[in-house]
Amino acid sequence: MADGERVVSAGFRDRVVERVRDVPEGRVTTYGDVAAALGSPRVARHVGWALAALPEDDEETPWHRVINARGTISDRGDTGRAALQRALLEAEGIVFDAAGRVDLRVCRHVHRLD
């Protein structure tokens, strides 16, 4: 990639937030699902970065409903945030198996495509 070339377009974070706000209570989506719904299936990591950049007082964006493609929470070393995410999901009725996985076949939210 050349210097100054953008991997994601301007406004990407806002489009991520809009998609995540569409995920209903009791359902989850993956970083890759959000990226694909935005037409950029290879930028799942950027979806995570966009969510990590949300202000702590953002109560409108259900960031906790986004997990990885393995059906697990990505803690990236922040075990406190991962524990909070799991607690929020469990409060919405999301069930984790003994390995800490969510059955995506059961509770995955399917995004509409633009």
N, C-alpha and C. Protein backbone atom coordinates (compact mmCIF):
# COMPACT_ATOMS: atom_id res chain seq x y z
N MET A 1 0.85 -1.17 0.00
CA MET A 1 0.00 0.00 0.00
C MET A 1 0.89 1.23 0.00
N ALA A 2 0.58 2.19 -0.81
CA ALA A 2 1.36 3.41 -0.92
C ALA A 2 1.12 4.30 0.29
N ASP A 3 2.12 5.15 0.59
CA ASP A 3 1.96 6.10 1.70
C ASP A 3 0.72 6.94 1.48
N GLY A 4 -0.06 7.13 2.51
CA GLY A 4 -1.23 7.97 2.43
C GLY A 4 -2.47 7.27 1.88
N GLU A 5 -2.33 6.04 1.38
CA GLU A 5 -3.49 5.33 0.84
C GLU A 5 -4.34 4.81 1.98
N ARG A 6 -5.64 5.04 1.89
CA ARG A 6 -6.56 4.63 2.95
C ARG A 6 -7.01 3.20 2.72
N VAL A 7 -7.09 2.45 3.80
CA VAL A 7 -7.62 1.09 3.74
C VAL A 7 -9.14 1.13 3.77
N VAL A 8 -9.68 2.05 4.54
CA VAL A 8 -11.14 2.23 4.62
C VAL A 8 -11.45 3.67 4.23
N SER A 9 -12.65 3.87 3.74
CA SER A 9 -13.03 5.20 3.27
C SER A 9 -13.43 6.12 4.42
N ALA A 10 -13.45 7.39 4.12
CA ALA A 10 -13.89 8.38 5.11
C ALA A 10 -15.31 8.02 5.54
N GLY A 11 -15.60 8.21 6.80
CA GLY A 11 -16.93 7.91 7.31
C GLY A 11 -17.13 6.45 7.70
N PHE A 12 -16.07 5.65 7.61
CA PHE A 12 -16.17 4.22 7.91
C PHE A 12 -16.68 3.99 9.33
N ARG A 13 -16.12 4.70 10.30
CA ARG A 13 -16.52 4.50 11.69
C ARG A 13 -18.01 4.77 11.87
N ASP A 14 -18.50 5.81 11.25
CA ASP A 14 -19.93 6.12 11.37
C ASP A 14 -20.79 5.02 10.77
N ARG A 15 -20.35 4.44 9.66
CA ARG A 15 -21.11 3.35 9.04
C ARG A 15 -21.05 2.09 9.90
N VAL A 16 -19.92 1.85 10.56
CA VAL A 16 -19.81 0.73 11.49
C VAL A 16 -20.82 0.91 12.62
N VAL A 17 -20.83 2.08 13.22
CA VAL A 17 -21.74 2.37 14.32
C VAL A 17 -23.19 2.16 13.89
N GLU A 18 -23.54 2.64 12.71
CA GLU A 18 -24.91 2.48 12.20
C GLU A 18 -25.28 1.00 12.09
N ARG A 19 -24.38 0.18 11.57
CA ARG A 19 -24.66 -1.26 11.42
C ARG A 19 -24.79 -1.94 12.78
N VAL A 20 -23.90 -1.60 13.69
CA VAL A 20 -23.93 -2.24 15.01
C VAL A 20 -25.21 -1.85 15.76
N ARG A 21 -25.67 -0.64 15.57
CA ARG A 21 -26.91 -0.21 16.22
C ARG A 21 -28.12 -0.98 15.69
N ASP A 22 -27.99 -1.61 14.53
CA ASP A 22 -29.08 -2.42 13.95
C ASP A 22 -29.17 -3.82 14.56
N VAL A 23 -28.15 -4.24 15.31
CA VAL A 23 -28.14 -5.59 15.88
C VAL A 23 -29.10 -5.60 17.07
N PRO A 24 -30.14 -6.42 17.00
CA PRO A 24 -31.14 -6.42 18.08
C PRO A 24 -30.64 -7.11 19.34
N GLU A 25 -31.26 -6.77 20.43
CA GLU A 25 -30.97 -7.41 21.72
C GLU A 25 -31.17 -8.92 21.58
N GLY A 26 -30.26 -9.68 22.19
CA GLY A 26 -30.34 -11.13 22.15
C GLY A 26 -29.74 -11.75 20.90
N ARG A 27 -29.09 -10.94 20.08
CA ARG A 27 -28.43 -11.41 18.86
C ARG A 27 -26.99 -10.89 18.86
N VAL A 28 -26.14 -11.53 18.09
CA VAL A 28 -24.77 -11.08 17.93
C VAL A 28 -24.42 -11.02 16.45
N THR A 29 -23.35 -10.34 16.16
CA THR A 29 -22.79 -10.29 14.82
C THR A 29 -21.28 -10.42 14.98
N THR A 30 -20.59 -10.55 13.88
CA THR A 30 -19.13 -10.64 13.95
C THR A 30 -18.51 -9.41 13.31
N TYR A 31 -17.26 -9.17 13.63
CA TYR A 31 -16.53 -8.07 13.01
C TYR A 31 -16.55 -8.23 11.49
N GLY A 32 -16.35 -9.45 11.04
CA GLY A 32 -16.35 -9.72 9.60
C GLY A 32 -17.71 -9.52 8.97
N ASP A 33 -18.78 -9.87 9.69
CA ASP A 33 -20.13 -9.65 9.17
C ASP A 33 -20.38 -8.16 8.94
N VAL A 34 -19.96 -7.35 9.89
CA VAL A 34 -20.16 -5.90 9.76
C VAL A 34 -19.35 -5.38 8.58
N ALA A 35 -18.10 -5.81 8.48
CA ALA A 35 -17.25 -5.37 7.38
C ALA A 35 -17.85 -5.77 6.03
N ALA A 36 -18.32 -7.00 5.94
CA ALA A 36 -18.90 -7.48 4.68
C ALA A 36 -20.16 -6.70 4.34
N ALA A 37 -20.98 -6.41 5.33
CA ALA A 37 -22.21 -5.65 5.09
C ALA A 37 -21.91 -4.25 4.58
N LEU A 38 -20.73 -3.75 4.92
CA LEU A 38 -20.31 -2.42 4.46
C LEU A 38 -19.57 -2.48 3.13
N GLY A 39 -19.48 -3.70 2.56
CA GLY A 39 -18.81 -3.85 1.27
C GLY A 39 -17.31 -3.97 1.35
N SER A 40 -16.78 -4.20 2.55
CA SER A 40 -15.33 -4.30 2.75
C SER A 40 -15.00 -5.54 3.59
N PRO A 41 -15.22 -6.74 3.04
CA PRO A 41 -15.09 -7.96 3.85
C PRO A 41 -13.72 -8.22 4.44
N ARG A 42 -12.71 -7.55 3.97
CA ARG A 42 -11.34 -7.81 4.47
C ARG A 42 -10.90 -6.85 5.57
N VAL A 43 -11.80 -6.04 6.06
CA VAL A 43 -11.39 -5.05 7.06
C VAL A 43 -12.06 -5.26 8.42
N ALA A 44 -12.25 -6.52 8.78
CA ALA A 44 -12.87 -6.84 10.07
C ALA A 44 -12.11 -6.19 11.23
N ARG A 45 -10.80 -6.19 11.14
CA ARG A 45 -9.99 -5.59 12.21
C ARG A 45 -10.31 -4.11 12.38
N HIS A 46 -10.57 -3.44 11.28
CA HIS A 46 -10.92 -2.01 11.34
C HIS A 46 -12.27 -1.80 12.03
N VAL A 47 -13.17 -2.76 11.88
CA VAL A 47 -14.45 -2.69 12.59
C VAL A 47 -14.17 -2.71 14.09
N GLY A 48 -13.29 -3.59 14.52
CA GLY A 48 -12.92 -3.66 15.94
C GLY A 48 -12.31 -2.37 16.43
N TRP A 49 -11.44 -1.80 15.63
CA TRP A 49 -10.80 -0.53 16.02
C TRP A 49 -11.83 0.58 16.11
N ALA A 50 -12.78 0.60 15.18
CA ALA A 50 -13.83 1.62 15.21
C ALA A 50 -14.65 1.52 16.50
N LEU A 51 -14.97 0.29 16.89
CA LEU A 51 -15.75 0.09 18.12
C LEU A 51 -14.92 0.42 19.36
N ALA A 52 -13.64 0.08 19.33
CA ALA A 52 -12.78 0.37 20.47
C ALA A 52 -12.62 1.88 20.67
N ALA A 53 -12.81 2.65 19.61
CA ALA A 53 -12.65 4.10 19.69
C ALA A 53 -13.92 4.81 20.18
N LEU A 54 -14.98 4.06 20.41
CA LEU A 54 -16.21 4.68 20.89
C LEU A 54 -15.99 5.31 22.27
N PRO A 55 -16.62 6.44 22.52
CA PRO A 55 -16.52 7.03 23.86
C PRO A 55 -17.14 6.09 24.89
N GLU A 56 -16.58 6.06 26.07
CA GLU A 56 -17.10 5.17 27.11
C GLU A 56 -18.54 5.48 27.48
N ASP A 57 -18.99 6.70 27.27
CA ASP A 57 -20.36 7.07 27.64
C ASP A 57 -21.36 6.83 26.50
N ASP A 58 -20.93 6.19 25.42
CA ASP A 58 -21.83 5.89 24.30
C ASP A 58 -22.73 4.72 24.71
N GLU A 59 -23.95 5.03 25.04
CA GLU A 59 -24.89 3.99 25.47
C GLU A 59 -25.83 3.57 24.35
N GLU A 60 -25.70 4.21 23.18
CA GLU A 60 -26.58 3.91 22.05
C GLU A 60 -26.03 2.81 21.15
N THR A 61 -24.74 2.58 21.20
CA THR A 61 -24.12 1.60 20.31
C THR A 61 -23.84 0.31 21.09
N PRO A 62 -24.52 -0.77 20.74
CA PRO A 62 -24.34 -2.03 21.47
C PRO A 62 -23.07 -2.78 21.01
N TRP A 63 -21.92 -2.19 21.29
CA TRP A 63 -20.62 -2.74 20.89
C TRP A 63 -20.46 -4.18 21.38
N HIS A 64 -21.09 -4.49 22.49
CA HIS A 64 -20.92 -5.81 23.11
C HIS A 64 -21.52 -6.92 22.26
N ARG A 65 -22.35 -6.58 21.29
CA ARG A 65 -23.00 -7.59 20.45
C ARG A 65 -22.12 -8.01 19.27
N VAL A 66 -20.90 -7.52 19.21
CA VAL A 66 -19.98 -7.87 18.13
C VAL A 66 -18.88 -8.76 18.69
N ILE A 67 -18.77 -9.96 18.12
CA ILE A 67 -17.78 -10.95 18.57
C ILE A 67 -16.99 -11.42 17.35
N ASN A 68 -16.05 -12.32 17.57
CA ASN A 68 -15.25 -12.76 16.43
C ASN A 68 -15.92 -13.94 15.70
N ALA A 69 -15.35 -14.29 14.58
CA ALA A 69 -15.94 -15.32 13.71
C ALA A 69 -15.92 -16.71 14.33
N ARG A 70 -15.14 -16.91 15.38
CA ARG A 70 -15.13 -18.20 16.08
C ARG A 70 -16.26 -18.28 17.11
N GLY A 71 -16.98 -17.17 17.25
CA GLY A 71 -18.07 -17.13 18.22
C GLY A 71 -17.61 -16.81 19.63
N THR A 72 -16.42 -16.25 19.74
CA THR A 72 -15.88 -15.92 21.06
C THR A 72 -15.64 -14.41 21.18
N ILE A 73 -15.45 -13.99 22.39
CA ILE A 73 -15.13 -12.58 22.65
C ILE A 73 -13.64 -12.39 22.45
N SER A 74 -13.29 -11.34 21.74
CA SER A 74 -11.88 -10.99 21.53
C SER A 74 -11.46 -10.03 22.62
N ASP A 75 -10.63 -10.52 23.56
CA ASP A 75 -10.28 -9.66 24.69
C ASP A 75 -9.06 -8.79 24.44
N ARG A 76 -8.20 -9.17 23.53
CA ARG A 76 -6.99 -8.40 23.21
C ARG A 76 -6.27 -7.91 24.46
N GLY A 77 -6.25 -8.74 25.48
CA GLY A 77 -5.54 -8.41 26.71
C GLY A 77 -6.33 -7.60 27.71
N ASP A 78 -7.53 -7.15 27.33
CA ASP A 78 -8.36 -6.37 28.24
C ASP A 78 -9.43 -7.29 28.83
N THR A 79 -9.04 -8.05 29.84
CA THR A 79 -9.96 -9.05 30.39
C THR A 79 -11.15 -8.41 31.10
N GLY A 80 -10.98 -7.20 31.61
CA GLY A 80 -12.10 -6.52 32.27
C GLY A 80 -13.19 -6.18 31.27
N ARG A 81 -12.82 -5.68 30.12
CA ARG A 81 -13.80 -5.35 29.08
C ARG A 81 -14.44 -6.62 28.54
N ALA A 82 -13.65 -7.68 28.41
CA ALA A 82 -14.19 -8.96 27.93
C ALA A 82 -15.21 -9.52 28.92
N ALA A 83 -14.92 -9.40 30.20
CA ALA A 83 -15.86 -9.88 31.22
C ALA A 83 -17.15 -9.05 31.19
N LEU A 84 -17.01 -7.74 30.99
CA LEU A 84 -18.19 -6.88 30.88
C LEU A 84 -19.00 -7.27 29.64
N GLN A 85 -18.32 -7.51 28.52
CA GLN A 85 -19.02 -7.89 27.30
C GLN A 85 -19.80 -9.18 27.49
N ARG A 86 -19.17 -10.15 28.11
CA ARG A 86 -19.86 -11.42 28.35
C ARG A 86 -21.07 -11.23 29.27
N ALA A 87 -20.91 -10.45 30.32
CA ALA A 87 -22.01 -10.21 31.25
C ALA A 87 -23.17 -9.51 30.54
N LEU A 88 -22.86 -8.54 29.69
CA LEU A 88 -23.92 -7.83 28.95
C LEU A 88 -24.64 -8.79 28.00
N LEU A 89 -23.90 -9.64 27.33
CA LEU A 89 -24.51 -10.60 26.41
C LEU A 89 -25.36 -11.61 27.17
N GLU A 90 -24.85 -12.12 28.27
CA GLU A 90 -25.62 -13.08 29.05
C GLU A 90 -26.90 -12.45 29.59
N ALA A 91 -26.84 -11.18 29.95
CA ALA A 91 -28.03 -10.48 30.43
C ALA A 91 -29.10 -10.38 29.34
N GLU A 92 -28.66 -10.46 28.08
CA GLU A 92 -29.59 -10.41 26.95
C GLU A 92 -30.03 -11.81 26.52
N GLY A 93 -29.56 -12.84 27.24
CA GLY A 93 -29.97 -14.21 26.92
C GLY A 93 -29.02 -14.98 26.03
N ILE A 94 -27.88 -14.39 25.70
CA ILE A 94 -26.88 -15.10 24.88
C ILE A 94 -26.22 -16.17 25.75
N VAL A 95 -26.15 -17.38 25.22
CA VAL A 95 -25.59 -18.51 25.96
C VAL A 95 -24.19 -18.83 25.42
N PHE A 96 -23.26 -19.03 26.34
CA PHE A 96 -21.90 -19.43 26.01
C PHE A 96 -21.72 -20.88 26.39
N ASP A 97 -21.00 -21.65 25.56
CA ASP A 97 -20.72 -23.04 25.91
C ASP A 97 -19.52 -23.09 26.85
N ALA A 98 -19.09 -24.29 27.21
CA ALA A 98 -17.99 -24.47 28.16
C ALA A 98 -16.68 -23.88 27.64
N ALA A 99 -16.55 -23.75 26.32
CA ALA A 99 -15.34 -23.20 25.72
C ALA A 99 -15.44 -21.68 25.53
N GLY A 100 -16.54 -21.09 26.01
CA GLY A 100 -16.71 -19.65 25.88
C GLY A 100 -17.18 -19.21 24.51
N ARG A 101 -17.83 -20.12 23.79
CA ARG A 101 -18.32 -19.81 22.44
C ARG A 101 -19.83 -19.62 22.42
N VAL A 102 -20.25 -18.76 21.50
CA VAL A 102 -21.66 -18.53 21.21
C VAL A 102 -21.98 -19.33 19.95
N ASP A 103 -23.12 -19.96 19.91
CA ASP A 103 -23.53 -20.70 18.71
C ASP A 103 -24.06 -19.69 17.69
N LEU A 104 -23.22 -19.35 16.72
CA LEU A 104 -23.60 -18.35 15.72
C LEU A 104 -24.75 -18.83 14.84
N ARG A 105 -24.94 -20.14 14.74
CA ARG A 105 -26.06 -20.65 13.94
C ARG A 105 -27.39 -20.29 14.59
N VAL A 106 -27.36 -20.06 15.89
CA VAL A 106 -28.59 -19.79 16.64
C VAL A 106 -28.86 -18.29 16.80
N CYS A 107 -27.82 -17.51 17.12
CA CYS A 107 -28.09 -16.13 17.50
C CYS A 107 -27.38 -15.09 16.64
N ARG A 108 -26.92 -15.46 15.46
CA ARG A 108 -26.25 -14.51 14.59
C ARG A 108 -27.26 -13.60 13.89
N HIS A 109 -27.01 -12.32 13.95
CA HIS A 109 -27.82 -11.34 13.24
C HIS A 109 -27.33 -11.26 11.79
N VAL A 110 -28.25 -11.31 10.86
CA VAL A 110 -27.91 -11.20 9.44
C VAL A 110 -28.16 -9.76 9.00
N HIS A 111 -27.12 -9.13 8.52
CA HIS A 111 -27.22 -7.73 8.08
C HIS A 111 -27.81 -7.64 6.69
N ARG A 112 -28.55 -6.59 6.47
CA ARG A 112 -28.99 -6.30 5.11
C ARG A 112 -27.79 -5.73 4.36
N LEU A 113 -27.73 -5.96 3.09
CA LEU A 113 -26.63 -5.44 2.28
C LEU A 113 -27.06 -4.16 1.61
N ASP A 114 -26.14 -3.23 1.52
CA ASP A 114 -26.44 -1.95 0.84
C ASP A 114 -26.37 -2.11 -0.65
